[in-house]
Amino acid sequence: MTRYTSRLDAKTGLVTRRAFTEEEETARDAAEKDYADREPTRKWSELRNLRDELLQSSDWTQAADTALTDDKKAEWVTYRDKLRKLPAQYDNSSVVGTITWPTEPS
């Protein structure tokens, strides 16, 4: 598939389009491969960031003066434990797929 690059001519206001050179095609292919190869790293970062946000937003459930019953507090402890263990359930290939998040207690 031939790729093209476009350029706006500031003087005329016209857009010109030309096919990539062989060198540009090679460089673009390498950049796309590099991006694809780094997908697991990006997914790990997304998983950890969201997990950390969920843990932080539920910190209040572990305070000594919370109005939660002991049973509800135990549900939150279990939920938070599942969040902490979540990364151990995945590897570089499976983290790119759908993550099954634990359900927050009601």
N, C-alpha and C. Protein backbone atom coordinates (compact mmCIF):
# COMPACT_ATOMS: atom_id res chain seq x y z
N MET A 1 0.85 -1.17 0.00
CA MET A 1 0.00 0.00 0.00
C MET A 1 0.91 1.24 0.00
N THR A 2 0.66 2.10 -0.91
CA THR A 2 1.43 3.33 -1.00
C THR A 2 0.88 4.34 -0.01
N ARG A 3 1.78 4.94 0.73
CA ARG A 3 1.39 6.00 1.67
C ARG A 3 1.78 7.34 1.07
N TYR A 4 1.07 8.36 1.51
CA TYR A 4 1.30 9.70 0.97
C TYR A 4 1.54 10.69 2.10
N THR A 5 2.19 11.75 1.77
CA THR A 5 2.36 12.86 2.69
C THR A 5 1.76 14.09 2.03
N SER A 6 1.19 14.95 2.84
CA SER A 6 0.57 16.18 2.32
C SER A 6 1.30 17.38 2.89
N ARG A 7 1.30 18.45 2.11
CA ARG A 7 1.95 19.67 2.56
C ARG A 7 1.13 20.87 2.09
N LEU A 8 0.94 21.81 2.99
CA LEU A 8 0.22 23.03 2.66
C LEU A 8 1.22 24.08 2.19
N ASP A 9 0.97 24.60 1.02
CA ASP A 9 1.80 25.68 0.49
C ASP A 9 1.26 26.99 1.07
N ALA A 10 2.06 27.65 1.90
CA ALA A 10 1.62 28.86 2.59
C ALA A 10 1.31 29.99 1.61
N LYS A 11 2.01 30.04 0.52
CA LYS A 11 1.79 31.12 -0.45
C LYS A 11 0.50 30.95 -1.24
N THR A 12 0.27 29.74 -1.72
CA THR A 12 -0.90 29.51 -2.58
C THR A 12 -2.10 29.01 -1.81
N GLY A 13 -1.88 28.44 -0.62
CA GLY A 13 -2.97 27.86 0.15
C GLY A 13 -3.39 26.50 -0.37
N LEU A 14 -2.63 25.95 -1.31
CA LEU A 14 -2.96 24.65 -1.89
C LEU A 14 -2.23 23.54 -1.14
N VAL A 15 -2.88 22.40 -1.08
CA VAL A 15 -2.28 21.23 -0.47
C VAL A 15 -1.74 20.34 -1.58
N THR A 16 -0.48 19.97 -1.43
CA THR A 16 0.12 19.05 -2.40
C THR A 16 0.32 17.71 -1.72
N ARG A 17 0.22 16.67 -2.50
CA ARG A 17 0.34 15.32 -1.97
C ARG A 17 1.36 14.57 -2.82
N ARG A 18 2.25 13.81 -2.14
CA ARG A 18 3.22 13.01 -2.87
C ARG A 18 3.39 11.68 -2.16
N ALA A 19 3.75 10.68 -2.91
CA ALA A 19 3.96 9.34 -2.36
C ALA A 19 5.23 9.33 -1.51
N PHE A 20 5.22 8.50 -0.48
CA PHE A 20 6.42 8.31 0.34
C PHE A 20 7.54 7.76 -0.54
N THR A 21 8.75 8.15 -0.20
CA THR A 21 9.92 7.53 -0.82
C THR A 21 10.12 6.17 -0.16
N GLU A 22 10.98 5.37 -0.73
CA GLU A 22 11.28 4.06 -0.14
C GLU A 22 11.84 4.22 1.28
N GLU A 23 12.68 5.23 1.47
CA GLU A 23 13.27 5.47 2.80
C GLU A 23 12.18 5.88 3.80
N GLU A 24 11.25 6.70 3.36
CA GLU A 24 10.15 7.12 4.24
C GLU A 24 9.25 5.93 4.60
N GLU A 25 9.01 5.07 3.62
CA GLU A 25 8.22 3.86 3.88
C GLU A 25 8.91 2.98 4.92
N THR A 26 10.21 2.78 4.74
CA THR A 26 10.99 1.95 5.68
C THR A 26 10.96 2.55 7.08
N ALA A 27 11.16 3.86 7.17
CA ALA A 27 11.15 4.53 8.48
C ALA A 27 9.77 4.43 9.13
N ARG A 28 8.71 4.61 8.34
CA ARG A 28 7.35 4.54 8.88
C ARG A 28 7.04 3.12 9.35
N ASP A 29 7.44 2.10 8.57
CA ASP A 29 7.24 0.71 8.97
C ASP A 29 7.94 0.42 10.30
N ALA A 30 9.16 0.92 10.45
CA ALA A 30 9.91 0.70 11.69
C ALA A 30 9.23 1.40 12.86
N ALA A 31 8.73 2.60 12.64
CA ALA A 31 8.05 3.33 13.72
C ALA A 31 6.77 2.63 14.12
N GLU A 32 6.01 2.12 13.15
CA GLU A 32 4.77 1.40 13.47
C GLU A 32 5.05 0.10 14.20
N LYS A 33 6.12 -0.60 13.81
CA LYS A 33 6.48 -1.84 14.50
C LYS A 33 6.90 -1.54 15.94
N ASP A 34 7.68 -0.49 16.11
CA ASP A 34 8.11 -0.10 17.45
C ASP A 34 6.91 0.23 18.33
N TYR A 35 5.96 0.96 17.78
CA TYR A 35 4.74 1.32 18.53
C TYR A 35 3.98 0.05 18.92
N ALA A 36 3.81 -0.87 17.99
CA ALA A 36 3.09 -2.12 18.28
C ALA A 36 3.84 -2.96 19.32
N ASP A 37 5.16 -2.99 19.22
CA ASP A 37 5.96 -3.77 20.17
C ASP A 37 5.85 -3.23 21.59
N ARG A 38 5.57 -1.93 21.72
CA ARG A 38 5.47 -1.32 23.05
C ARG A 38 4.06 -1.36 23.63
N GLU A 39 3.13 -2.00 22.92
CA GLU A 39 1.75 -2.04 23.41
C GLU A 39 1.63 -2.67 24.80
N PRO A 40 2.27 -3.80 25.09
CA PRO A 40 2.16 -4.34 26.45
C PRO A 40 2.61 -3.35 27.53
N THR A 41 3.67 -2.60 27.26
CA THR A 41 4.15 -1.61 28.23
C THR A 41 3.08 -0.56 28.49
N ARG A 42 2.43 -0.09 27.42
CA ARG A 42 1.37 0.90 27.59
C ARG A 42 0.19 0.31 28.36
N LYS A 43 -0.16 -0.94 28.07
CA LYS A 43 -1.29 -1.58 28.74
C LYS A 43 -1.00 -1.82 30.22
N TRP A 44 0.24 -2.21 30.55
CA TRP A 44 0.62 -2.39 31.95
C TRP A 44 0.47 -1.07 32.70
N SER A 45 0.91 0.00 32.07
CA SER A 45 0.82 1.31 32.69
C SER A 45 -0.64 1.70 32.91
N GLU A 46 -1.49 1.46 31.92
CA GLU A 46 -2.92 1.77 32.06
C GLU A 46 -3.54 0.95 33.19
N LEU A 47 -3.21 -0.35 33.24
CA LEU A 47 -3.76 -1.22 34.29
C LEU A 47 -3.36 -0.71 35.66
N ARG A 48 -2.09 -0.45 35.84
CA ARG A 48 -1.61 -0.01 37.16
C ARG A 48 -2.18 1.35 37.55
N ASN A 49 -2.26 2.27 36.58
CA ASN A 49 -2.80 3.59 36.89
C ASN A 49 -4.25 3.51 37.32
N LEU A 50 -5.07 2.76 36.59
CA LEU A 50 -6.47 2.64 36.96
C LEU A 50 -6.62 1.89 38.28
N ARG A 51 -5.83 0.84 38.46
CA ARG A 51 -5.87 0.09 39.72
C ARG A 51 -5.52 1.00 40.90
N ASP A 52 -4.48 1.81 40.73
CA ASP A 52 -4.07 2.72 41.79
C ASP A 52 -5.15 3.76 42.09
N GLU A 53 -5.82 4.25 41.04
CA GLU A 53 -6.92 5.20 41.25
C GLU A 53 -8.07 4.56 42.02
N LEU A 54 -8.40 3.31 41.67
CA LEU A 54 -9.48 2.61 42.37
C LEU A 54 -9.11 2.36 43.84
N LEU A 55 -7.87 2.00 44.08
CA LEU A 55 -7.43 1.82 45.47
C LEU A 55 -7.51 3.13 46.24
N GLN A 56 -7.01 4.19 45.62
CA GLN A 56 -7.01 5.49 46.29
C GLN A 56 -8.44 5.97 46.57
N SER A 57 -9.34 5.76 45.61
CA SER A 57 -10.72 6.23 45.81
C SER A 57 -11.47 5.40 46.84
N SER A 58 -10.93 4.26 47.21
CA SER A 58 -11.59 3.44 48.24
C SER A 58 -10.83 3.44 49.57
N ASP A 59 -9.82 4.28 49.68
CA ASP A 59 -9.06 4.36 50.95
C ASP A 59 -9.97 4.68 52.13
N TRP A 60 -10.97 5.50 51.90
CA TRP A 60 -11.87 5.92 52.99
C TRP A 60 -12.55 4.72 53.67
N THR A 61 -12.69 3.61 52.95
CA THR A 61 -13.39 2.45 53.51
C THR A 61 -12.59 1.77 54.62
N GLN A 62 -11.31 2.10 54.70
CA GLN A 62 -10.45 1.44 55.68
C GLN A 62 -10.17 2.30 56.90
N ALA A 63 -10.76 3.48 56.93
CA ALA A 63 -10.55 4.37 58.08
C ALA A 63 -11.25 3.81 59.31
N ALA A 64 -10.66 4.06 60.46
CA ALA A 64 -11.22 3.54 61.71
C ALA A 64 -12.58 4.15 62.03
N ASP A 65 -12.82 5.39 61.60
CA ASP A 65 -14.07 6.06 61.96
C ASP A 65 -15.12 6.01 60.85
N THR A 66 -14.98 5.08 59.90
CA THR A 66 -15.98 4.96 58.84
C THR A 66 -17.29 4.41 59.40
N ALA A 67 -18.39 4.76 58.73
CA ALA A 67 -19.71 4.31 59.18
C ALA A 67 -20.06 2.92 58.65
N LEU A 68 -19.14 2.26 57.98
CA LEU A 68 -19.41 0.94 57.42
C LEU A 68 -19.51 -0.11 58.52
N THR A 69 -20.40 -1.08 58.29
CA THR A 69 -20.48 -2.21 59.21
C THR A 69 -19.23 -3.06 59.02
N ASP A 70 -18.99 -3.95 59.95
CA ASP A 70 -17.83 -4.83 59.85
C ASP A 70 -17.91 -5.70 58.60
N ASP A 71 -19.13 -6.17 58.27
CA ASP A 71 -19.30 -7.00 57.07
C ASP A 71 -18.98 -6.21 55.80
N LYS A 72 -19.48 -4.97 55.72
CA LYS A 72 -19.20 -4.12 54.55
C LYS A 72 -17.71 -3.79 54.45
N LYS A 73 -17.12 -3.51 55.60
CA LYS A 73 -15.69 -3.21 55.61
C LYS A 73 -14.90 -4.42 55.10
N ALA A 74 -15.32 -5.62 55.49
CA ALA A 74 -14.66 -6.85 55.03
C ALA A 74 -14.81 -7.01 53.52
N GLU A 75 -15.97 -6.64 52.97
CA GLU A 75 -16.17 -6.69 51.51
C GLU A 75 -15.18 -5.77 50.81
N TRP A 76 -14.99 -4.59 51.36
CA TRP A 76 -14.05 -3.64 50.77
C TRP A 76 -12.60 -4.14 50.89
N VAL A 77 -12.29 -4.78 52.00
CA VAL A 77 -10.95 -5.36 52.17
C VAL A 77 -10.70 -6.39 51.07
N THR A 78 -11.68 -7.25 50.82
CA THR A 78 -11.56 -8.28 49.78
C THR A 78 -11.41 -7.64 48.41
N TYR A 79 -12.23 -6.64 48.12
CA TYR A 79 -12.17 -5.93 46.84
C TYR A 79 -10.78 -5.30 46.63
N ARG A 80 -10.28 -4.63 47.65
CA ARG A 80 -8.98 -3.97 47.55
C ARG A 80 -7.86 -4.99 47.39
N ASP A 81 -8.00 -6.14 48.04
CA ASP A 81 -7.01 -7.20 47.90
C ASP A 81 -6.99 -7.73 46.46
N LYS A 82 -8.18 -7.90 45.87
CA LYS A 82 -8.26 -8.35 44.48
C LYS A 82 -7.62 -7.32 43.54
N LEU A 83 -7.81 -6.04 43.83
CA LEU A 83 -7.17 -5.00 43.00
C LEU A 83 -5.66 -5.09 43.09
N ARG A 84 -5.14 -5.31 44.29
CA ARG A 84 -3.69 -5.41 44.46
C ARG A 84 -3.10 -6.61 43.72
N LYS A 85 -3.86 -7.71 43.69
CA LYS A 85 -3.37 -8.94 43.05
C LYS A 85 -3.63 -8.97 41.55
N LEU A 86 -4.36 -8.01 41.02
CA LEU A 86 -4.75 -8.01 39.61
C LEU A 86 -3.58 -8.14 38.64
N PRO A 87 -2.49 -7.39 38.80
CA PRO A 87 -1.39 -7.52 37.83
C PRO A 87 -0.80 -8.93 37.75
N ALA A 88 -0.84 -9.68 38.83
CA ALA A 88 -0.27 -11.02 38.83
C ALA A 88 -1.08 -12.00 37.97
N GLN A 89 -2.31 -11.61 37.60
CA GLN A 89 -3.17 -12.49 36.81
C GLN A 89 -2.89 -12.40 35.31
N TYR A 90 -2.04 -11.46 34.91
CA TYR A 90 -1.81 -11.23 33.48
C TYR A 90 -0.34 -11.33 33.13
N ASP A 91 -0.08 -11.57 31.85
CA ASP A 91 1.28 -11.51 31.34
C ASP A 91 1.27 -10.53 30.16
N ASN A 92 2.39 -10.39 29.48
CA ASN A 92 2.49 -9.38 28.41
C ASN A 92 1.49 -9.61 27.28
N SER A 93 1.14 -10.86 27.02
CA SER A 93 0.20 -11.10 25.92
C SER A 93 -1.25 -10.91 26.38
N SER A 94 -1.57 -11.34 27.59
CA SER A 94 -2.97 -11.24 28.04
C SER A 94 -3.35 -9.85 28.52
N VAL A 95 -2.39 -9.05 28.94
CA VAL A 95 -2.71 -7.70 29.42
C VAL A 95 -3.20 -6.82 28.27
N VAL A 96 -2.88 -7.20 27.04
CA VAL A 96 -3.32 -6.44 25.88
C VAL A 96 -4.80 -6.69 25.61
N GLY A 97 -5.35 -7.78 26.10
CA GLY A 97 -6.76 -8.09 25.91
C GLY A 97 -7.64 -7.38 26.92
N THR A 98 -8.79 -7.95 27.19
CA THR A 98 -9.74 -7.36 28.12
C THR A 98 -9.35 -7.70 29.55
N ILE A 99 -9.31 -6.69 30.39
CA ILE A 99 -9.01 -6.88 31.80
C ILE A 99 -10.33 -7.12 32.54
N THR A 100 -10.36 -8.14 33.38
CA THR A 100 -11.53 -8.42 34.20
C THR A 100 -11.30 -7.79 35.57
N TRP A 101 -12.00 -6.69 35.79
CA TRP A 101 -11.84 -5.95 37.05
C TRP A 101 -12.77 -6.50 38.11
N PRO A 102 -12.32 -6.51 39.38
CA PRO A 102 -13.22 -6.94 40.45
C PRO A 102 -14.38 -5.94 40.59
N THR A 103 -15.49 -6.44 41.08
CA THR A 103 -16.67 -5.59 41.25
C THR A 103 -16.61 -4.87 42.59
N GLU A 104 -16.79 -3.56 42.53
CA GLU A 104 -16.78 -2.74 43.74
C GLU A 104 -18.00 -3.08 44.59
N PRO A 105 -17.82 -3.22 45.90
CA PRO A 105 -18.97 -3.48 46.78
C PRO A 105 -20.00 -2.34 46.70
N SER A 106 -21.23 -2.71 46.91
CA SER A 106 -22.30 -1.68 46.84
C SER A 106 -22.52 -1.04 48.20
